[in-house]
Amino acid sequence: MGWSFKLHGGLAAGLGTALLVLAGLTWLPGTLHLSASGWPTAAIFALLFPIFIAALVRVFLRRADRHDMWLAFRCLPGKVEVALGALVLSGVTLLTVSGVGEGNVQAAEMKEGRYFVFDTTPYKRGTVEVSRSQYLDVLESDQRSMFAIPGVLFVGAAYFALTAGELRRAELGAWK
């Protein structure tokens, strides 16, 4: 496998790991002040789209089906397979547990010392005032989703990049 595939997959896996760790930290008491400004979200998505789209393009250029991709993934070292599997499993677990807990409320915000959330319950959609504790719960859930979803997508990009590298290595080996 070429160095560019390893670099691409390693960068994506590293960013995914960092985001999943941040998502896990939202379970600790208190809120992460990292997401109070808009720059972390902008930085996450500024990196996510080029890395993820480049990984998809690399896979599409190989013209492989799911079976070939799975076989290529199985050719990766065992530690890499386990690490990617553990990252995906932890990300999906974070998202599942987070989605079950908060119900139909999201987008916590504070205006003039009062706490509001957006209620998505059918026929009752709108902004409602809530207590501080419910506001903090919704804020943590929003932060968890903000870090976990891109984290899982980065891990997916790592899977695609490394699998494309193995497919490329197999193609070059077939011509020698």
N, C-alpha and C. Protein backbone atom coordinates (compact mmCIF):
# COMPACT_ATOMS: atom_id res chain seq x y z
N MET A 1 0.86 -1.16 0.00
CA MET A 1 0.00 0.00 0.00
C MET A 1 0.90 1.23 0.00
N GLY A 2 0.52 2.21 -0.77
CA GLY A 2 1.32 3.42 -0.88
C GLY A 2 1.23 4.30 0.36
N TRP A 3 2.22 5.18 0.50
CA TRP A 3 2.28 6.04 1.68
C TRP A 3 1.10 7.01 1.73
N SER A 4 0.58 7.43 0.58
CA SER A 4 -0.53 8.39 0.60
C SER A 4 -1.80 7.76 1.16
N PHE A 5 -2.01 6.49 0.89
CA PHE A 5 -3.17 5.80 1.46
C PHE A 5 -3.02 5.67 2.98
N LYS A 6 -1.80 5.34 3.42
CA LYS A 6 -1.56 5.22 4.86
C LYS A 6 -1.72 6.57 5.55
N LEU A 7 -1.20 7.62 4.94
CA LEU A 7 -1.33 8.96 5.52
C LEU A 7 -2.79 9.39 5.58
N HIS A 8 -3.50 9.16 4.49
CA HIS A 8 -4.92 9.53 4.43
C HIS A 8 -5.72 8.76 5.48
N GLY A 9 -5.53 7.46 5.54
CA GLY A 9 -6.25 6.64 6.51
C GLY A 9 -5.86 6.96 7.94
N GLY A 10 -4.57 7.19 8.18
CA GLY A 10 -4.11 7.53 9.52
C GLY A 10 -4.64 8.88 10.00
N LEU A 11 -4.65 9.86 9.10
CA LEU A 11 -5.17 11.17 9.45
C LEU A 11 -6.66 11.08 9.78
N ALA A 12 -7.40 10.39 8.95
CA ALA A 12 -8.84 10.24 9.18
C ALA A 12 -9.11 9.48 10.48
N ALA A 13 -8.37 8.42 10.72
CA ALA A 13 -8.56 7.64 11.96
C ALA A 13 -8.18 8.47 13.18
N GLY A 14 -7.13 9.24 13.09
CA GLY A 14 -6.71 10.08 14.21
C GLY A 14 -7.74 11.16 14.54
N LEU A 15 -8.24 11.82 13.51
CA LEU A 15 -9.27 12.84 13.74
C LEU A 15 -10.55 12.21 14.29
N GLY A 16 -10.91 11.05 13.75
CA GLY A 16 -12.10 10.35 14.26
C GLY A 16 -11.94 9.95 15.71
N THR A 17 -10.76 9.47 16.08
CA THR A 17 -10.50 9.10 17.47
C THR A 17 -10.61 10.32 18.39
N ALA A 18 -10.02 11.43 17.97
CA ALA A 18 -10.08 12.65 18.79
C ALA A 18 -11.53 13.11 19.00
N LEU A 19 -12.32 13.07 17.96
CA LEU A 19 -13.72 13.49 18.09
C LEU A 19 -14.53 12.53 18.94
N LEU A 20 -14.27 11.24 18.82
CA LEU A 20 -14.99 10.28 19.65
C LEU A 20 -14.59 10.40 21.12
N VAL A 21 -13.34 10.74 21.38
CA VAL A 21 -12.92 10.99 22.77
C VAL A 21 -13.64 12.22 23.30
N LEU A 22 -13.72 13.27 22.51
CA LEU A 22 -14.46 14.47 22.93
C LEU A 22 -15.93 14.16 23.17
N ALA A 23 -16.51 13.32 22.33
CA ALA A 23 -17.90 12.93 22.52
C ALA A 23 -18.05 12.14 23.82
N GLY A 24 -17.10 11.29 24.12
CA GLY A 24 -17.14 10.54 25.37
C GLY A 24 -16.98 11.44 26.59
N LEU A 25 -16.20 12.51 26.45
CA LEU A 25 -16.00 13.44 27.56
C LEU A 25 -17.28 14.19 27.92
N THR A 26 -18.25 14.23 27.04
CA THR A 26 -19.50 14.91 27.36
C THR A 26 -20.29 14.15 28.41
N TRP A 27 -19.94 12.91 28.69
CA TRP A 27 -20.62 12.16 29.74
C TRP A 27 -20.14 12.58 31.13
N LEU A 28 -18.99 13.23 31.20
CA LEU A 28 -18.49 13.70 32.48
C LEU A 28 -19.31 14.90 32.94
N PRO A 29 -19.36 15.16 34.24
CA PRO A 29 -20.13 16.31 34.72
C PRO A 29 -19.61 17.62 34.12
N GLY A 30 -20.53 18.53 33.86
CA GLY A 30 -20.18 19.81 33.28
C GLY A 30 -20.28 19.76 31.76
N THR A 31 -20.08 20.90 31.15
CA THR A 31 -20.14 20.98 29.69
C THR A 31 -18.76 21.29 29.15
N LEU A 32 -18.53 20.90 27.92
CA LEU A 32 -17.28 21.25 27.25
C LEU A 32 -17.42 22.67 26.71
N HIS A 33 -16.55 23.53 27.11
CA HIS A 33 -16.62 24.92 26.65
C HIS A 33 -16.00 25.06 25.26
N LEU A 34 -15.52 23.96 24.74
CA LEU A 34 -14.90 23.98 23.42
C LEU A 34 -15.91 24.33 22.33
N SER A 35 -17.15 23.90 22.50
CA SER A 35 -18.14 24.12 21.45
C SER A 35 -18.95 25.38 21.67
N ALA A 36 -18.56 26.24 22.63
CA ALA A 36 -19.31 27.47 22.87
C ALA A 36 -19.20 28.42 21.69
N SER A 37 -18.04 28.45 21.05
CA SER A 37 -17.90 29.27 19.85
C SER A 37 -18.15 28.40 18.62
N GLY A 38 -18.22 29.03 17.48
CA GLY A 38 -18.53 28.28 16.27
C GLY A 38 -17.33 27.70 15.56
N TRP A 39 -16.10 28.05 15.98
CA TRP A 39 -14.94 27.61 15.23
C TRP A 39 -14.70 26.10 15.27
N PRO A 40 -14.98 25.38 16.38
CA PRO A 40 -14.74 23.93 16.32
C PRO A 40 -15.62 23.24 15.27
N THR A 41 -16.87 23.65 15.20
CA THR A 41 -17.77 23.05 14.22
C THR A 41 -17.29 23.35 12.81
N ALA A 42 -16.89 24.59 12.57
CA ALA A 42 -16.40 24.96 11.25
C ALA A 42 -15.13 24.18 10.90
N ALA A 43 -14.23 24.03 11.86
CA ALA A 43 -12.99 23.29 11.61
C ALA A 43 -13.27 21.81 11.34
N ILE A 44 -14.20 21.24 12.09
CA ILE A 44 -14.54 19.83 11.90
C ILE A 44 -15.06 19.60 10.49
N PHE A 45 -16.00 20.43 10.06
CA PHE A 45 -16.58 20.21 8.74
C PHE A 45 -15.67 20.66 7.61
N ALA A 46 -14.78 21.62 7.87
CA ALA A 46 -13.80 22.00 6.85
C ALA A 46 -12.82 20.86 6.58
N LEU A 47 -12.53 20.06 7.59
CA LEU A 47 -11.66 18.90 7.40
C LEU A 47 -12.43 17.66 6.95
N LEU A 48 -13.66 17.51 7.44
CA LEU A 48 -14.42 16.29 7.17
C LEU A 48 -14.73 16.11 5.69
N PHE A 49 -15.26 17.13 5.06
CA PHE A 49 -15.71 16.95 3.68
C PHE A 49 -14.59 16.62 2.71
N PRO A 50 -13.45 17.33 2.71
CA PRO A 50 -12.40 16.93 1.78
C PRO A 50 -11.83 15.54 2.06
N ILE A 51 -11.65 15.20 3.34
CA ILE A 51 -11.08 13.90 3.67
C ILE A 51 -12.04 12.77 3.30
N PHE A 52 -13.32 12.96 3.62
CA PHE A 52 -14.30 11.91 3.35
C PHE A 52 -14.54 11.75 1.84
N ILE A 53 -14.68 12.85 1.14
CA ILE A 53 -14.92 12.78 -0.30
C ILE A 53 -13.71 12.20 -1.02
N ALA A 54 -12.50 12.57 -0.60
CA ALA A 54 -11.29 12.00 -1.22
C ALA A 54 -11.23 10.49 -0.99
N ALA A 55 -11.63 10.04 0.18
CA ALA A 55 -11.64 8.59 0.45
C ALA A 55 -12.67 7.89 -0.44
N LEU A 56 -13.84 8.49 -0.59
CA LEU A 56 -14.84 7.88 -1.48
C LEU A 56 -14.37 7.85 -2.93
N VAL A 57 -13.71 8.91 -3.37
CA VAL A 57 -13.20 8.94 -4.75
C VAL A 57 -12.15 7.85 -4.93
N ARG A 58 -11.30 7.66 -3.93
CA ARG A 58 -10.29 6.61 -4.04
C ARG A 58 -10.93 5.23 -4.17
N VAL A 59 -12.00 5.00 -3.45
CA VAL A 59 -12.68 3.70 -3.54
C VAL A 59 -13.37 3.56 -4.90
N PHE A 60 -14.02 4.63 -5.35
CA PHE A 60 -14.72 4.56 -6.64
C PHE A 60 -13.74 4.36 -7.80
N LEU A 61 -12.55 4.92 -7.69
CA LEU A 61 -11.55 4.71 -8.74
C LEU A 61 -11.09 3.26 -8.82
N ARG A 62 -11.21 2.54 -7.75
CA ARG A 62 -10.83 1.12 -7.74
C ARG A 62 -11.93 0.25 -8.36
N ARG A 63 -13.14 0.78 -8.46
CA ARG A 63 -14.29 0.06 -9.04
C ARG A 63 -14.51 -1.30 -8.38
N ALA A 64 -14.50 -1.29 -7.05
CA ALA A 64 -14.67 -2.52 -6.29
C ALA A 64 -16.08 -2.60 -5.72
N ASP A 65 -16.57 -3.81 -5.60
CA ASP A 65 -17.86 -3.99 -4.94
C ASP A 65 -17.63 -4.24 -3.44
N ARG A 66 -18.72 -4.43 -2.72
CA ARG A 66 -18.61 -4.60 -1.26
C ARG A 66 -17.78 -5.82 -0.88
N HIS A 67 -17.93 -6.88 -1.63
CA HIS A 67 -17.19 -8.11 -1.33
C HIS A 67 -15.68 -7.88 -1.47
N ASP A 68 -15.27 -7.23 -2.55
CA ASP A 68 -13.86 -6.95 -2.75
C ASP A 68 -13.32 -6.01 -1.66
N MET A 69 -14.15 -5.05 -1.28
CA MET A 69 -13.73 -4.13 -0.22
C MET A 69 -13.55 -4.87 1.10
N TRP A 70 -14.45 -5.80 1.40
CA TRP A 70 -14.33 -6.57 2.62
C TRP A 70 -13.07 -7.44 2.60
N LEU A 71 -12.80 -8.05 1.46
CA LEU A 71 -11.58 -8.86 1.35
C LEU A 71 -10.33 -7.99 1.50
N ALA A 72 -10.36 -6.80 0.95
CA ALA A 72 -9.22 -5.88 1.09
C ALA A 72 -9.06 -5.44 2.54
N PHE A 73 -10.18 -5.19 3.20
CA PHE A 73 -10.12 -4.83 4.62
C PHE A 73 -9.51 -5.97 5.44
N ARG A 74 -9.86 -7.19 5.09
CA ARG A 74 -9.34 -8.34 5.82
C ARG A 74 -7.84 -8.53 5.59
N CYS A 75 -7.28 -7.89 4.54
CA CYS A 75 -5.84 -7.97 4.30
C CYS A 75 -5.05 -6.97 5.13
N LEU A 76 -5.74 -6.03 5.76
CA LEU A 76 -5.06 -5.07 6.63
C LEU A 76 -4.53 -5.79 7.87
N PRO A 77 -3.52 -5.24 8.52
CA PRO A 77 -3.03 -5.86 9.75
C PRO A 77 -4.14 -5.98 10.79
N GLY A 78 -4.08 -7.00 11.60
CA GLY A 78 -5.13 -7.26 12.59
C GLY A 78 -5.36 -6.12 13.56
N LYS A 79 -4.30 -5.44 13.96
CA LYS A 79 -4.44 -4.32 14.89
C LYS A 79 -5.23 -3.18 14.26
N VAL A 80 -5.03 -2.96 12.98
CA VAL A 80 -5.76 -1.90 12.28
C VAL A 80 -7.24 -2.27 12.17
N GLU A 81 -7.51 -3.52 11.85
CA GLU A 81 -8.90 -3.98 11.77
C GLU A 81 -9.61 -3.81 13.11
N VAL A 82 -8.95 -4.24 14.19
CA VAL A 82 -9.54 -4.14 15.53
C VAL A 82 -9.75 -2.69 15.92
N ALA A 83 -8.77 -1.84 15.64
CA ALA A 83 -8.87 -0.42 16.00
C ALA A 83 -10.04 0.24 15.26
N LEU A 84 -10.16 0.01 13.97
CA LEU A 84 -11.26 0.60 13.21
C LEU A 84 -12.61 0.06 13.69
N GLY A 85 -12.67 -1.24 13.95
CA GLY A 85 -13.91 -1.83 14.46
C GLY A 85 -14.30 -1.27 15.81
N ALA A 86 -13.32 -1.10 16.70
CA ALA A 86 -13.60 -0.55 18.02
C ALA A 86 -14.06 0.90 17.93
N LEU A 87 -13.45 1.67 17.03
CA LEU A 87 -13.86 3.06 16.85
C LEU A 87 -15.29 3.17 16.32
N VAL A 88 -15.61 2.35 15.35
CA VAL A 88 -16.98 2.38 14.81
C VAL A 88 -17.98 1.95 15.88
N LEU A 89 -17.65 0.91 16.60
CA LEU A 89 -18.55 0.42 17.66
C LEU A 89 -18.74 1.47 18.75
N SER A 90 -17.68 2.13 19.17
CA SER A 90 -17.82 3.15 20.20
C SER A 90 -18.62 4.35 19.69
N GLY A 91 -18.42 4.74 18.45
CA GLY A 91 -19.18 5.85 17.89
C GLY A 91 -20.66 5.55 17.77
N VAL A 92 -20.98 4.37 17.29
CA VAL A 92 -22.38 3.98 17.16
C VAL A 92 -23.03 3.86 18.54
N THR A 93 -22.29 3.33 19.51
CA THR A 93 -22.81 3.24 20.87
C THR A 93 -23.08 4.62 21.45
N LEU A 94 -22.15 5.54 21.28
CA LEU A 94 -22.35 6.91 21.76
C LEU A 94 -23.60 7.54 21.14
N LEU A 95 -23.76 7.36 19.84
CA LEU A 95 -24.92 7.95 19.16
C LEU A 95 -26.22 7.29 19.59
N THR A 96 -26.21 6.00 19.77
CA THR A 96 -27.43 5.28 20.16
C THR A 96 -27.86 5.67 21.57
N VAL A 97 -26.92 5.64 22.49
CA VAL A 97 -27.24 5.99 23.88
C VAL A 97 -27.65 7.46 23.98
N SER A 98 -27.00 8.31 23.24
CA SER A 98 -27.32 9.73 23.26
C SER A 98 -28.70 10.00 22.68
N GLY A 99 -29.04 9.30 21.62
CA GLY A 99 -30.33 9.53 20.97
C GLY A 99 -31.51 9.04 21.77
N VAL A 100 -31.31 8.03 22.60
CA VAL A 100 -32.40 7.48 23.39
C VAL A 100 -32.75 8.38 24.56
N GLY A 101 -31.76 9.06 25.14
CA GLY A 101 -31.95 9.76 26.39
C GLY A 101 -32.76 11.03 26.36
N GLU A 102 -32.64 11.86 25.36
CA GLU A 102 -33.17 13.21 25.44
C GLU A 102 -34.56 13.39 24.83
N GLY A 103 -35.07 12.42 24.15
CA GLY A 103 -36.41 12.55 23.59
C GLY A 103 -36.45 13.46 22.38
N ASN A 104 -37.41 14.40 22.39
CA ASN A 104 -37.66 15.22 21.22
C ASN A 104 -37.19 16.66 21.38
N VAL A 105 -36.14 16.90 22.13
CA VAL A 105 -35.66 18.27 22.31
C VAL A 105 -34.22 18.38 21.81
N GLN A 106 -33.90 19.56 21.31
CA GLN A 106 -32.57 19.81 20.77
C GLN A 106 -32.32 21.31 20.74
N ALA A 107 -31.14 21.70 20.29
CA ALA A 107 -30.77 23.09 20.06
C ALA A 107 -30.97 23.96 21.31
N ALA A 108 -30.26 23.61 22.37
CA ALA A 108 -30.36 24.39 23.61
C ALA A 108 -29.73 25.76 23.43
N GLU A 109 -30.38 26.76 23.96
CA GLU A 109 -29.83 28.12 23.92
C GLU A 109 -30.30 28.91 25.13
N MET A 110 -29.54 29.94 25.47
CA MET A 110 -29.85 30.77 26.61
C MET A 110 -30.07 32.20 26.11
N LYS A 111 -31.21 32.79 26.51
CA LYS A 111 -31.52 34.18 26.14
C LYS A 111 -31.97 34.92 27.39
N GLU A 112 -31.28 36.02 27.68
CA GLU A 112 -31.66 36.88 28.79
C GLU A 112 -31.80 36.12 30.12
N GLY A 113 -30.90 35.16 30.35
CA GLY A 113 -30.92 34.42 31.60
C GLY A 113 -31.95 33.31 31.66
N ARG A 114 -32.68 33.07 30.58
CA ARG A 114 -33.68 32.00 30.53
C ARG A 114 -33.20 30.93 29.57
N TYR A 115 -33.65 29.69 29.79
CA TYR A 115 -33.16 28.54 29.03
C TYR A 115 -34.26 28.03 28.10
N PHE A 116 -33.88 27.82 26.82
CA PHE A 116 -34.83 27.38 25.82
C PHE A 116 -34.26 26.19 25.06
N VAL A 117 -35.15 25.33 24.60
CA VAL A 117 -34.80 24.23 23.71
C VAL A 117 -35.85 24.18 22.61
N PHE A 118 -35.50 23.53 21.52
CA PHE A 118 -36.45 23.36 20.42
C PHE A 118 -37.10 21.99 20.56
N ASP A 119 -38.39 21.95 20.72
CA ASP A 119 -39.15 20.70 20.88
C ASP A 119 -39.62 20.25 19.51
N THR A 120 -39.27 19.02 19.12
CA THR A 120 -39.63 18.49 17.81
C THR A 120 -40.81 17.52 17.87
N THR A 121 -41.54 17.52 18.97
CA THR A 121 -42.70 16.64 19.09
C THR A 121 -43.72 17.00 18.02
N PRO A 122 -44.27 15.99 17.30
CA PRO A 122 -45.26 16.31 16.28
C PRO A 122 -46.45 17.09 16.85
N TYR A 123 -46.89 18.06 16.12
CA TYR A 123 -48.02 18.95 16.45
C TYR A 123 -47.72 19.88 17.62
N LYS A 124 -46.49 19.86 18.14
CA LYS A 124 -46.11 20.76 19.22
C LYS A 124 -44.73 21.38 18.95
N ARG A 125 -44.33 21.44 17.69
CA ARG A 125 -43.00 21.94 17.34
C ARG A 125 -42.86 23.39 17.76
N GLY A 126 -41.72 23.69 18.31
CA GLY A 126 -41.43 25.07 18.65
C GLY A 126 -40.47 25.17 19.81
N THR A 127 -40.11 26.40 20.11
CA THR A 127 -39.19 26.68 21.20
C THR A 127 -39.94 26.72 22.51
N VAL A 128 -39.42 26.03 23.52
CA VAL A 128 -40.06 26.00 24.83
C VAL A 128 -39.02 26.34 25.89
N GLU A 129 -39.49 26.94 26.97
CA GLU A 129 -38.60 27.26 28.09
C GLU A 129 -38.48 26.04 28.99
N VAL A 130 -37.25 25.79 29.47
CA VAL A 130 -36.99 24.62 30.31
C VAL A 130 -36.16 25.05 31.52
N SER A 131 -35.98 24.12 32.43
CA SER A 131 -35.15 24.37 33.61
C SER A 131 -33.67 24.33 33.21
N ARG A 132 -32.82 24.82 34.11
CA ARG A 132 -31.38 24.83 33.84
C ARG A 132 -30.84 23.41 33.69
N SER A 133 -31.31 22.48 34.52
CA SER A 133 -30.80 21.11 34.45
C SER A 133 -31.18 20.45 33.12
N GLN A 134 -32.41 20.67 32.66
CA GLN A 134 -32.80 20.10 31.37
C GLN A 134 -32.03 20.78 30.23
N TYR A 135 -31.80 22.07 30.36
CA TYR A 135 -31.00 22.80 29.37
C TYR A 135 -29.60 22.20 29.27
N LEU A 136 -28.97 21.92 30.41
CA LEU A 136 -27.62 21.35 30.41
C LEU A 136 -27.61 19.94 29.82
N ASP A 137 -28.66 19.16 30.10
CA ASP A 137 -28.76 17.82 29.51
C ASP A 137 -28.85 17.88 27.99
N VAL A 138 -29.66 18.78 27.49
CA VAL A 138 -29.82 18.92 26.04
C VAL A 138 -28.54 19.46 25.41
N LEU A 139 -27.88 20.39 26.09
CA LEU A 139 -26.63 20.95 25.59
C LEU A 139 -25.56 19.87 25.48
N GLU A 140 -25.46 19.01 26.49
CA GLU A 140 -24.49 17.91 26.44
C GLU A 140 -24.83 16.92 25.33
N SER A 141 -26.10 16.64 25.15
CA SER A 141 -26.51 15.73 24.09
C SER A 141 -26.19 16.31 22.71
N ASP A 142 -26.41 17.61 22.55
CA ASP A 142 -26.08 18.27 21.28
C ASP A 142 -24.58 18.21 21.02
N GLN A 143 -23.78 18.45 22.07
CA GLN A 143 -22.33 18.38 21.92
C GLN A 143 -21.89 16.97 21.57
N ARG A 144 -22.50 16.00 22.20
CA ARG A 144 -22.15 14.60 21.94
C ARG A 144 -22.39 14.26 20.48
N SER A 145 -23.54 14.68 19.97
CA SER A 145 -23.84 14.42 18.55
C SER A 145 -22.91 15.20 17.63
N MET A 146 -22.58 16.43 18.02
CA MET A 146 -21.71 17.26 17.19
C MET A 146 -20.32 16.65 17.05
N PHE A 147 -19.86 15.92 18.05
CA PHE A 147 -18.56 15.28 17.97
C PHE A 147 -18.64 13.84 17.46
N ALA A 148 -19.68 13.11 17.82
CA ALA A 148 -19.74 11.68 17.48
C ALA A 148 -20.05 11.43 16.01
N ILE A 149 -20.96 12.20 15.42
CA ILE A 149 -21.33 11.96 14.02
C ILE A 149 -20.14 12.19 13.09
N PRO A 150 -19.45 13.34 13.16
CA PRO A 150 -18.27 13.48 12.31
C PRO A 150 -17.16 12.49 12.67
N GLY A 151 -17.07 12.11 13.95
CA GLY A 151 -16.08 11.12 14.34
C GLY A 151 -16.28 9.79 13.64
N VAL A 152 -17.53 9.35 13.58
CA VAL A 152 -17.83 8.09 12.87
C VAL A 152 -17.57 8.25 11.37
N LEU A 153 -17.88 9.41 10.83
CA LEU A 153 -17.61 9.63 9.39
C LEU A 153 -16.11 9.66 9.10
N PHE A 154 -15.31 10.21 10.01
CA PHE A 154 -13.85 10.16 9.84
C PHE A 154 -13.35 8.72 9.88
N VAL A 155 -13.88 7.93 10.78
CA VAL A 155 -13.48 6.51 10.85
C VAL A 155 -13.89 5.79 9.56
N GLY A 156 -15.06 6.12 9.03
CA GLY A 156 -15.48 5.56 7.74
C GLY A 156 -14.52 5.97 6.63
N ALA A 157 -14.06 7.21 6.65
CA ALA A 157 -13.09 7.68 5.65
C ALA A 157 -11.79 6.90 5.78
N ALA A 158 -11.39 6.60 7.02
CA ALA A 158 -10.17 5.81 7.22
C ALA A 158 -10.35 4.41 6.63
N TYR A 159 -11.52 3.82 6.86
CA TYR A 159 -11.81 2.50 6.30
C TYR A 159 -11.72 2.54 4.77
N PHE A 160 -12.35 3.54 4.16
CA PHE A 160 -12.35 3.63 2.70
C PHE A 160 -10.94 3.87 2.15
N ALA A 161 -10.18 4.74 2.79
CA ALA A 161 -8.83 5.05 2.30
C ALA A 161 -7.91 3.83 2.42
N LEU A 162 -7.95 3.17 3.57
CA LEU A 162 -7.08 2.00 3.75
C LEU A 162 -7.50 0.83 2.87
N THR A 163 -8.79 0.66 2.69
CA THR A 163 -9.29 -0.40 1.81
C THR A 163 -8.90 -0.12 0.37
N ALA A 164 -9.01 1.14 -0.05
CA ALA A 164 -8.60 1.50 -1.41
C ALA A 164 -7.11 1.26 -1.60
N GLY A 165 -6.32 1.52 -0.56
CA GLY A 165 -4.89 1.25 -0.64
C GLY A 165 -4.58 -0.22 -0.81
N GLU A 166 -5.31 -1.06 -0.10
CA GLU A 166 -5.12 -2.51 -0.26
C GLU A 166 -5.56 -2.98 -1.64
N LEU A 167 -6.66 -2.42 -2.13
CA LEU A 167 -7.11 -2.78 -3.48
C LEU A 167 -6.08 -2.35 -4.52
N ARG A 168 -5.50 -1.17 -4.34
CA ARG A 168 -4.46 -0.68 -5.25
C ARG A 168 -3.24 -1.59 -5.20
N ARG A 169 -2.86 -2.00 -4.00
CA ARG A 169 -1.72 -2.91 -3.85
C ARG A 169 -1.99 -4.23 -4.56
N ALA A 170 -3.22 -4.72 -4.45
CA ALA A 170 -3.58 -5.98 -5.11
C ALA A 170 -3.54 -5.83 -6.63
N GLU A 171 -4.00 -4.67 -7.12
CA GLU A 171 -3.96 -4.45 -8.58
C GLU A 171 -2.53 -4.41 -9.08
N LEU A 172 -1.65 -3.73 -8.37
CA LEU A 172 -0.26 -3.64 -8.80
C LEU A 172 0.41 -5.00 -8.70
N GLY A 173 0.06 -5.78 -7.70
CA GLY A 173 0.64 -7.11 -7.57
C GLY A 173 0.20 -8.04 -8.67
N ALA A 174 -1.01 -7.84 -9.19
CA ALA A 174 -1.52 -8.69 -10.26
C ALA A 174 -0.80 -8.43 -11.57
N TRP A 175 -0.24 -7.22 -11.77
CA TRP A 175 0.42 -6.87 -13.03
C TRP A 175 1.90 -7.25 -13.02
N LYS A 176 2.46 -7.55 -11.87
CA LYS A 176 3.90 -7.85 -11.80
C LYS A 176 4.17 -9.27 -12.16
